[in-house]
């Protein structure tokens, strides 16, 4: 599997408007996954959340999470971030990041309108410190890696 080089990883995570999937563990020990907007600063993965979200309750019990960001069309590129999450209380400090996310995911006018409409809602930051980042470059490095996935029992 060809991993993305750090500059390519940062560019992919900072420039795409892919809705990510956040995975936590629920109170019964089951995986809990939810689509989220995120921001990557080159070191941390950031999420702005409402404090009463189910995944926030999950993170209060177990502060570990995974975030998956993947394209749905060729070339398939994917990034898996696993790490510890810090929940950071915020008042209005979330607004600049919220505006950037709104613009990134909804466009300039609609994104700003959405954030401004909800700016009085209580929010908190989720800061994910990666313990592990795995990426796949979409096959740009060739397909020789695929042999490790072939079922040897089938003689392939």
N, C-alpha and C. Protein backbone atom coordinates (compact mmCIF):
# COMPACT_ATOMS: atom_id res chain seq x y z
N UNK A 1 0.84 -1.17 0.00
CA UNK A 1 0.00 0.00 0.00
C UNK A 1 0.89 1.24 0.00
N UNK A 2 0.69 2.12 -0.93
CA UNK A 2 1.48 3.34 -1.02
C UNK A 2 0.83 4.41 -0.14
N UNK A 3 1.58 4.86 0.86
CA UNK A 3 1.10 5.90 1.77
C UNK A 3 1.30 7.27 1.13
N UNK A 4 0.46 8.21 1.50
CA UNK A 4 0.64 9.58 1.06
C UNK A 4 1.85 10.18 1.79
N UNK A 5 2.67 10.90 1.07
CA UNK A 5 3.75 11.66 1.70
C UNK A 5 3.12 12.77 2.53
N UNK A 6 3.80 13.25 3.58
CA UNK A 6 3.24 14.25 4.50
C UNK A 6 2.69 15.48 3.78
N UNK A 7 3.39 16.06 2.80
CA UNK A 7 2.82 17.23 2.11
C UNK A 7 1.53 16.88 1.36
N UNK A 8 1.49 15.68 0.75
CA UNK A 8 0.29 15.24 0.03
C UNK A 8 -0.85 14.95 1.00
N UNK A 9 -0.52 14.36 2.14
CA UNK A 9 -1.51 14.08 3.18
C UNK A 9 -2.12 15.39 3.67
N UNK A 10 -1.28 16.35 4.01
CA UNK A 10 -1.79 17.65 4.48
C UNK A 10 -2.65 18.33 3.43
N UNK A 11 -2.20 18.32 2.19
CA UNK A 11 -2.96 18.94 1.10
C UNK A 11 -4.32 18.27 0.95
N UNK A 12 -4.34 16.94 0.94
CA UNK A 12 -5.60 16.20 0.81
C UNK A 12 -6.56 16.53 1.96
N UNK A 13 -6.06 16.50 3.19
CA UNK A 13 -6.91 16.74 4.35
C UNK A 13 -7.36 18.19 4.47
N UNK A 14 -6.57 19.13 3.96
CA UNK A 14 -6.91 20.54 4.08
C UNK A 14 -7.74 21.06 2.92
N UNK A 15 -7.64 20.44 1.76
CA UNK A 15 -8.29 21.00 0.57
C UNK A 15 -9.57 20.30 0.17
N UNK A 16 -9.78 19.07 0.60
CA UNK A 16 -11.00 18.39 0.17
C UNK A 16 -12.17 18.79 1.06
N UNK A 17 -13.36 18.70 0.51
CA UNK A 17 -14.57 18.98 1.30
C UNK A 17 -15.34 17.68 1.52
N UNK A 18 -14.59 16.62 1.80
CA UNK A 18 -15.20 15.32 2.07
C UNK A 18 -15.72 15.30 3.50
N UNK A 19 -16.97 14.89 3.65
CA UNK A 19 -17.51 14.69 4.98
C UNK A 19 -16.84 13.44 5.53
N UNK A 20 -16.25 13.56 6.71
CA UNK A 20 -15.53 12.44 7.33
C UNK A 20 -16.49 11.60 8.16
N UNK A 21 -16.03 10.43 8.54
CA UNK A 21 -16.76 9.56 9.45
C UNK A 21 -15.98 9.47 10.76
N UNK A 22 -16.62 9.87 11.85
CA UNK A 22 -16.04 9.78 13.18
C UNK A 22 -16.56 8.50 13.83
N UNK A 23 -15.66 7.68 14.36
CA UNK A 23 -16.04 6.46 15.05
C UNK A 23 -15.64 6.53 16.51
N UNK A 24 -16.60 6.24 17.38
CA UNK A 24 -16.37 6.16 18.82
C UNK A 24 -16.96 4.83 19.29
N UNK A 25 -16.87 4.57 20.59
CA UNK A 25 -17.45 3.36 21.17
C UNK A 25 -18.61 3.78 22.07
N UNK A 26 -19.80 3.19 21.83
CA UNK A 26 -20.96 3.58 22.62
C UNK A 26 -20.98 2.90 23.99
N UNK A 27 -22.02 3.17 24.76
CA UNK A 27 -22.08 2.67 26.15
C UNK A 27 -22.20 1.15 26.24
N UNK A 28 -22.62 0.49 25.15
CA UNK A 28 -22.66 -0.97 25.13
C UNK A 28 -21.39 -1.59 24.54
N UNK A 29 -20.40 -0.75 24.22
CA UNK A 29 -19.15 -1.25 23.66
C UNK A 29 -19.20 -1.48 22.16
N UNK A 30 -20.24 -0.96 21.50
CA UNK A 30 -20.38 -1.11 20.05
C UNK A 30 -19.81 0.10 19.32
N UNK A 31 -19.35 -0.12 18.09
CA UNK A 31 -18.89 1.03 17.29
C UNK A 31 -20.06 1.98 17.02
N UNK A 32 -19.79 3.27 17.11
CA UNK A 32 -20.76 4.31 16.83
C UNK A 32 -20.11 5.23 15.80
N UNK A 33 -20.73 5.36 14.63
CA UNK A 33 -20.14 6.15 13.56
C UNK A 33 -21.10 7.25 13.13
N UNK A 34 -20.53 8.42 12.84
CA UNK A 34 -21.34 9.58 12.48
C UNK A 34 -20.57 10.44 11.47
N UNK A 35 -21.26 10.96 10.46
CA UNK A 35 -20.59 11.89 9.53
C UNK A 35 -20.36 13.24 10.21
N UNK A 36 -19.20 13.82 9.93
CA UNK A 36 -18.84 15.09 10.57
C UNK A 36 -18.05 15.98 9.60
N UNK A 37 -18.09 17.28 9.88
CA UNK A 37 -17.17 18.21 9.24
C UNK A 37 -15.91 18.22 10.11
N UNK A 38 -14.77 18.41 9.48
CA UNK A 38 -13.52 18.43 10.24
C UNK A 38 -12.60 19.49 9.65
N UNK A 39 -11.55 19.80 10.41
CA UNK A 39 -10.48 20.66 9.92
C UNK A 39 -9.16 20.03 10.35
N UNK A 40 -8.20 20.03 9.44
CA UNK A 40 -6.86 19.48 9.69
C UNK A 40 -5.88 20.63 9.67
N UNK A 41 -5.08 20.77 10.74
CA UNK A 41 -4.11 21.87 10.80
C UNK A 41 -2.66 21.40 10.57
N UNK A 42 -2.50 20.16 10.16
CA UNK A 42 -1.17 19.61 9.95
C UNK A 42 -0.67 18.79 11.12
N UNK A 43 -1.31 18.97 12.28
CA UNK A 43 -0.96 18.23 13.49
C UNK A 43 -2.17 17.55 14.11
N UNK A 44 -3.26 18.30 14.23
CA UNK A 44 -4.48 17.81 14.87
C UNK A 44 -5.65 17.79 13.90
N UNK A 45 -6.58 16.89 14.17
CA UNK A 45 -7.87 16.88 13.48
C UNK A 45 -8.86 17.54 14.44
N UNK A 46 -9.57 18.56 13.97
CA UNK A 46 -10.50 19.34 14.79
C UNK A 46 -11.93 19.12 14.33
N UNK A 47 -12.83 19.04 15.29
CA UNK A 47 -14.26 18.94 15.03
C UNK A 47 -14.93 19.95 15.96
N UNK A 48 -15.91 20.67 15.46
CA UNK A 48 -16.73 21.55 16.29
C UNK A 48 -18.04 20.80 16.52
N UNK A 49 -18.42 20.65 17.78
CA UNK A 49 -19.57 19.81 18.10
C UNK A 49 -20.53 20.49 19.06
N UNK A 50 -21.74 20.01 19.05
CA UNK A 50 -22.69 20.37 20.08
C UNK A 50 -22.40 19.47 21.28
N UNK A 51 -22.38 20.00 22.50
CA UNK A 51 -21.98 19.22 23.67
C UNK A 51 -22.86 18.00 23.96
N UNK A 52 -24.11 18.02 23.52
CA UNK A 52 -25.02 16.91 23.83
C UNK A 52 -25.06 15.83 22.76
N UNK A 53 -24.17 15.91 21.79
CA UNK A 53 -24.12 14.87 20.75
C UNK A 53 -23.77 13.52 21.38
N UNK A 54 -24.37 12.45 20.89
CA UNK A 54 -24.11 11.11 21.43
C UNK A 54 -22.63 10.77 21.41
N UNK A 55 -21.93 11.15 20.34
CA UNK A 55 -20.51 10.81 20.26
C UNK A 55 -19.69 11.56 21.31
N UNK A 56 -20.15 12.72 21.75
CA UNK A 56 -19.46 13.43 22.83
C UNK A 56 -19.60 12.64 24.13
N UNK A 57 -20.79 12.11 24.41
CA UNK A 57 -20.98 11.26 25.60
C UNK A 57 -20.06 10.04 25.51
N UNK A 58 -19.96 9.46 24.32
CA UNK A 58 -19.06 8.32 24.14
C UNK A 58 -17.61 8.70 24.46
N UNK A 59 -17.20 9.87 24.00
CA UNK A 59 -15.82 10.32 24.21
C UNK A 59 -15.55 10.70 25.67
N UNK A 60 -16.56 11.08 26.38
CA UNK A 60 -16.38 11.35 27.81
C UNK A 60 -16.08 10.04 28.56
N UNK A 61 -16.65 8.93 28.10
CA UNK A 61 -16.38 7.61 28.69
C UNK A 61 -15.05 7.04 28.23
N UNK A 62 -14.77 7.18 26.94
CA UNK A 62 -13.54 6.63 26.34
C UNK A 62 -13.05 7.64 25.32
N UNK A 63 -11.96 8.35 25.59
CA UNK A 63 -11.53 9.45 24.74
C UNK A 63 -10.76 9.04 23.48
N UNK A 64 -10.96 7.83 23.00
CA UNK A 64 -10.30 7.38 21.78
C UNK A 64 -11.29 7.35 20.63
N UNK A 65 -10.81 7.72 19.44
CA UNK A 65 -11.67 7.77 18.27
C UNK A 65 -10.87 7.50 17.01
N UNK A 66 -11.60 7.24 15.95
CA UNK A 66 -11.03 7.13 14.61
C UNK A 66 -11.81 8.07 13.70
N UNK A 67 -11.11 8.63 12.73
CA UNK A 67 -11.74 9.46 11.72
C UNK A 67 -11.29 8.91 10.37
N UNK A 68 -12.26 8.68 9.49
CA UNK A 68 -11.97 8.18 8.15
C UNK A 68 -12.39 9.23 7.13
N UNK A 69 -11.47 9.60 6.26
CA UNK A 69 -11.73 10.55 5.19
C UNK A 69 -11.36 9.83 3.89
N UNK A 70 -12.32 9.65 2.99
CA UNK A 70 -12.05 8.87 1.78
C UNK A 70 -12.84 9.42 0.60
N UNK A 71 -12.18 9.42 -0.56
CA UNK A 71 -12.88 9.81 -1.78
C UNK A 71 -13.82 8.68 -2.18
N UNK A 72 -14.87 9.04 -2.90
CA UNK A 72 -15.85 8.06 -3.37
C UNK A 72 -15.72 7.77 -4.86
N UNK A 73 -14.77 8.45 -5.50
CA UNK A 73 -14.54 8.26 -6.93
C UNK A 73 -13.05 8.08 -7.18
N UNK A 74 -12.71 7.59 -8.35
CA UNK A 74 -11.31 7.41 -8.71
C UNK A 74 -10.60 8.76 -8.80
N UNK A 75 -9.36 8.82 -8.42
CA UNK A 75 -8.59 7.78 -7.75
C UNK A 75 -8.99 7.71 -6.29
N UNK A 76 -9.21 6.52 -5.79
CA UNK A 76 -9.61 6.34 -4.40
C UNK A 76 -8.45 6.69 -3.48
N UNK A 77 -8.66 7.67 -2.65
CA UNK A 77 -7.68 8.08 -1.65
C UNK A 77 -8.37 7.97 -0.30
N UNK A 78 -7.67 7.43 0.68
CA UNK A 78 -8.28 7.34 2.01
C UNK A 78 -7.24 7.62 3.07
N UNK A 79 -7.76 8.17 4.18
CA UNK A 79 -6.92 8.46 5.34
C UNK A 79 -7.69 8.00 6.57
N UNK A 80 -7.00 7.27 7.43
CA UNK A 80 -7.55 6.85 8.71
C UNK A 80 -6.70 7.46 9.81
N UNK A 81 -7.34 8.24 10.66
CA UNK A 81 -6.68 8.87 11.80
C UNK A 81 -7.22 8.22 13.06
N UNK A 82 -6.32 7.70 13.88
CA UNK A 82 -6.72 7.12 15.16
C UNK A 82 -5.98 7.87 16.26
N UNK A 83 -6.70 8.18 17.34
CA UNK A 83 -6.03 8.89 18.40
C UNK A 83 -6.91 9.22 19.57
N UNK A 84 -6.34 10.03 20.43
CA UNK A 84 -7.02 10.46 21.66
C UNK A 84 -7.68 11.81 21.40
N UNK A 85 -8.87 11.97 21.97
CA UNK A 85 -9.65 13.19 21.77
C UNK A 85 -9.69 13.99 23.06
N UNK A 86 -9.36 15.26 22.96
CA UNK A 86 -9.54 16.21 24.05
C UNK A 86 -10.79 17.02 23.76
N UNK A 87 -11.68 17.10 24.73
CA UNK A 87 -12.89 17.92 24.62
C UNK A 87 -12.57 19.28 25.23
N UNK A 88 -12.68 20.32 24.43
CA UNK A 88 -12.28 21.66 24.86
C UNK A 88 -13.50 22.58 24.84
N UNK A 89 -13.85 23.07 26.02
CA UNK A 89 -14.98 24.00 26.14
C UNK A 89 -14.64 25.29 25.40
N UNK A 90 -15.65 25.90 24.78
CA UNK A 90 -15.44 27.13 24.04
C UNK A 90 -16.69 28.01 24.13
N UNK A 91 -16.49 29.30 24.08
CA UNK A 91 -17.63 30.21 23.99
C UNK A 91 -17.77 30.58 22.51
N UNK A 92 -17.30 31.74 22.14
CA UNK A 92 -17.38 32.15 20.74
C UNK A 92 -16.09 31.85 19.96
N UNK A 93 -15.09 31.23 20.62
CA UNK A 93 -13.83 30.95 19.95
C UNK A 93 -13.99 29.99 18.77
N UNK A 94 -15.10 29.26 18.73
CA UNK A 94 -15.32 28.30 17.67
C UNK A 94 -15.74 28.96 16.36
N UNK A 95 -16.18 30.21 16.41
CA UNK A 95 -16.73 30.86 15.22
C UNK A 95 -15.77 30.93 14.03
N UNK A 96 -14.50 31.32 14.20
CA UNK A 96 -13.64 31.36 13.00
C UNK A 96 -13.51 29.98 12.34
N UNK A 97 -13.34 28.93 13.14
CA UNK A 97 -13.26 27.59 12.56
C UNK A 97 -14.61 27.20 11.97
N UNK A 98 -15.67 27.53 12.66
CA UNK A 98 -17.01 27.25 12.13
C UNK A 98 -17.25 27.90 10.79
N UNK A 99 -16.83 29.16 10.63
CA UNK A 99 -16.98 29.85 9.34
C UNK A 99 -16.14 29.17 8.25
N UNK A 100 -14.92 28.77 8.59
CA UNK A 100 -14.08 28.08 7.60
C UNK A 100 -14.73 26.77 7.16
N UNK A 101 -15.23 26.01 8.15
CA UNK A 101 -15.88 24.74 7.83
C UNK A 101 -17.15 24.97 7.02
N UNK A 102 -17.95 25.95 7.43
CA UNK A 102 -19.18 26.24 6.70
C UNK A 102 -18.90 26.58 5.25
N UNK A 103 -17.89 27.42 5.02
CA UNK A 103 -17.52 27.79 3.66
C UNK A 103 -17.00 26.57 2.88
N UNK A 104 -16.20 25.78 3.54
CA UNK A 104 -15.61 24.60 2.89
C UNK A 104 -16.68 23.60 2.46
N UNK A 105 -17.67 23.38 3.33
CA UNK A 105 -18.66 22.34 3.05
C UNK A 105 -19.92 22.83 2.36
N UNK A 106 -20.27 24.10 2.54
CA UNK A 106 -21.52 24.60 1.97
C UNK A 106 -21.33 25.73 0.95
N UNK A 107 -20.11 26.25 0.83
CA UNK A 107 -19.87 27.41 -0.01
C UNK A 107 -19.90 28.67 0.84
N UNK A 108 -19.36 29.74 0.29
CA UNK A 108 -19.15 30.97 1.07
C UNK A 108 -20.44 31.52 1.66
N UNK A 109 -21.42 31.81 0.83
CA UNK A 109 -22.64 32.47 1.32
C UNK A 109 -23.46 31.55 2.21
N UNK A 110 -23.74 30.35 1.75
CA UNK A 110 -24.57 29.43 2.53
C UNK A 110 -23.87 29.00 3.82
N UNK A 111 -22.56 28.78 3.74
CA UNK A 111 -21.81 28.38 4.93
C UNK A 111 -21.82 29.45 6.00
N UNK A 112 -21.58 30.70 5.60
CA UNK A 112 -21.60 31.80 6.57
C UNK A 112 -23.00 31.96 7.16
N UNK A 113 -24.04 31.85 6.33
CA UNK A 113 -25.41 31.99 6.82
C UNK A 113 -25.74 30.90 7.83
N UNK A 114 -25.33 29.66 7.56
CA UNK A 114 -25.60 28.56 8.49
C UNK A 114 -24.91 28.79 9.83
N UNK A 115 -23.64 29.14 9.79
CA UNK A 115 -22.91 29.35 11.04
C UNK A 115 -23.48 30.55 11.80
N UNK A 116 -23.78 31.64 11.09
CA UNK A 116 -24.32 32.82 11.76
C UNK A 116 -25.68 32.53 12.39
N UNK A 117 -26.48 31.69 11.74
CA UNK A 117 -27.80 31.33 12.25
C UNK A 117 -27.69 30.51 13.54
N UNK A 118 -26.60 29.76 13.69
CA UNK A 118 -26.44 28.87 14.85
C UNK A 118 -25.34 29.33 15.81
N UNK A 119 -24.85 30.56 15.65
CA UNK A 119 -23.70 31.00 16.43
C UNK A 119 -23.98 31.11 17.93
N UNK A 120 -25.21 31.19 18.34
CA UNK A 120 -25.52 31.28 19.77
C UNK A 120 -25.59 29.90 20.43
N UNK A 121 -25.54 28.84 19.63
CA UNK A 121 -25.60 27.50 20.19
C UNK A 121 -24.29 27.18 20.90
N UNK A 122 -24.38 26.50 22.02
CA UNK A 122 -23.18 26.07 22.75
C UNK A 122 -22.42 25.06 21.90
N UNK A 123 -21.10 25.18 21.87
CA UNK A 123 -20.23 24.28 21.10
C UNK A 123 -19.02 23.91 21.93
N UNK A 124 -18.35 22.86 21.50
CA UNK A 124 -17.05 22.53 22.04
C UNK A 124 -16.18 21.99 20.91
N UNK A 125 -14.88 22.11 21.13
CA UNK A 125 -13.92 21.58 20.17
C UNK A 125 -13.60 20.14 20.55
N UNK A 126 -13.47 19.30 19.55
CA UNK A 126 -12.87 17.98 19.71
C UNK A 126 -11.52 18.08 19.02
N UNK A 127 -10.46 17.91 19.78
CA UNK A 127 -9.11 17.95 19.21
C UNK A 127 -8.56 16.52 19.24
N UNK A 128 -8.36 15.95 18.07
CA UNK A 128 -7.86 14.59 17.97
C UNK A 128 -6.36 14.64 17.75
N UNK A 129 -5.63 14.07 18.69
CA UNK A 129 -4.18 13.96 18.58
C UNK A 129 -3.89 12.58 17.99
N UNK A 130 -3.42 12.52 16.75
CA UNK A 130 -3.22 11.21 16.13
C UNK A 130 -2.14 10.38 16.82
N UNK A 131 -2.50 9.13 17.11
CA UNK A 131 -1.52 8.12 17.51
C UNK A 131 -1.03 7.39 16.27
N UNK A 132 -1.91 7.33 15.29
CA UNK A 132 -1.62 6.59 14.06
C UNK A 132 -2.39 7.23 12.91
N UNK A 133 -1.70 7.41 11.80
CA UNK A 133 -2.35 7.86 10.57
C UNK A 133 -1.97 6.87 9.49
N UNK A 134 -2.97 6.30 8.86
CA UNK A 134 -2.75 5.40 7.72
C UNK A 134 -3.38 6.07 6.51
N UNK A 135 -2.72 5.98 5.37
CA UNK A 135 -3.28 6.56 4.16
C UNK A 135 -3.00 5.64 2.98
N UNK A 136 -3.76 5.85 1.95
CA UNK A 136 -3.60 5.12 0.70
C UNK A 136 -3.69 6.13 -0.42
N UNK A 137 -2.75 6.08 -1.33
CA UNK A 137 -2.63 7.12 -2.35
C UNK A 137 -3.54 6.93 -3.56
N UNK A 138 -4.45 6.01 -3.51
CA UNK A 138 -5.37 5.82 -4.63
C UNK A 138 -4.79 4.98 -5.74
N UNK A 139 -3.71 4.32 -5.47
CA UNK A 139 -3.13 3.44 -6.49
C UNK A 139 -2.09 4.12 -7.34
N UNK A 140 -1.74 5.36 -7.02
CA UNK A 140 -0.75 6.07 -7.83
C UNK A 140 0.59 5.36 -7.82
N UNK A 141 0.84 4.59 -6.77
CA UNK A 141 2.11 3.88 -6.66
C UNK A 141 2.09 2.52 -7.33
N UNK A 142 1.06 2.21 -8.09
CA UNK A 142 0.96 0.91 -8.73
C UNK A 142 0.11 -0.03 -7.91
N UNK A 143 -0.13 -1.23 -8.45
CA UNK A 143 -1.02 -2.17 -7.80
C UNK A 143 -0.33 -3.42 -7.31
N UNK A 144 0.99 -3.40 -7.16
CA UNK A 144 1.71 -4.57 -6.68
C UNK A 144 1.28 -4.93 -5.27
N UNK A 145 0.82 -3.95 -4.48
CA UNK A 145 0.38 -4.20 -3.12
C UNK A 145 -0.79 -5.16 -3.08
N UNK A 146 -1.59 -5.25 -4.13
CA UNK A 146 -2.81 -6.05 -4.16
C UNK A 146 -2.56 -7.53 -3.94
N UNK A 147 -1.37 -8.02 -4.24
CA UNK A 147 -1.08 -9.44 -4.10
C UNK A 147 -1.24 -9.91 -2.66
N UNK A 148 -1.03 -9.04 -1.69
CA UNK A 148 -1.15 -9.46 -0.29
C UNK A 148 -2.59 -9.74 0.10
N UNK A 149 -3.56 -9.28 -0.72
CA UNK A 149 -4.97 -9.49 -0.40
C UNK A 149 -5.58 -10.68 -1.13
N UNK A 150 -4.84 -11.29 -2.02
CA UNK A 150 -5.35 -12.42 -2.79
C UNK A 150 -5.47 -13.63 -1.87
N UNK A 151 -6.57 -14.34 -2.01
CA UNK A 151 -6.80 -15.55 -1.22
C UNK A 151 -5.95 -16.67 -1.79
N UNK A 152 -4.89 -17.00 -1.12
CA UNK A 152 -3.94 -18.03 -1.60
C UNK A 152 -4.62 -19.38 -1.73
N UNK A 153 -5.65 -19.64 -0.90
CA UNK A 153 -6.34 -20.94 -0.97
C UNK A 153 -7.08 -21.11 -2.28
N UNK A 154 -7.39 -20.02 -2.97
CA UNK A 154 -8.08 -20.10 -4.25
C UNK A 154 -7.10 -20.26 -5.39
N UNK A 155 -5.83 -20.28 -5.08
CA UNK A 155 -4.82 -20.48 -6.11
C UNK A 155 -4.57 -19.24 -6.94
N UNK A 156 -5.04 -18.13 -6.51
CA UNK A 156 -4.84 -16.90 -7.29
C UNK A 156 -3.50 -16.30 -6.98
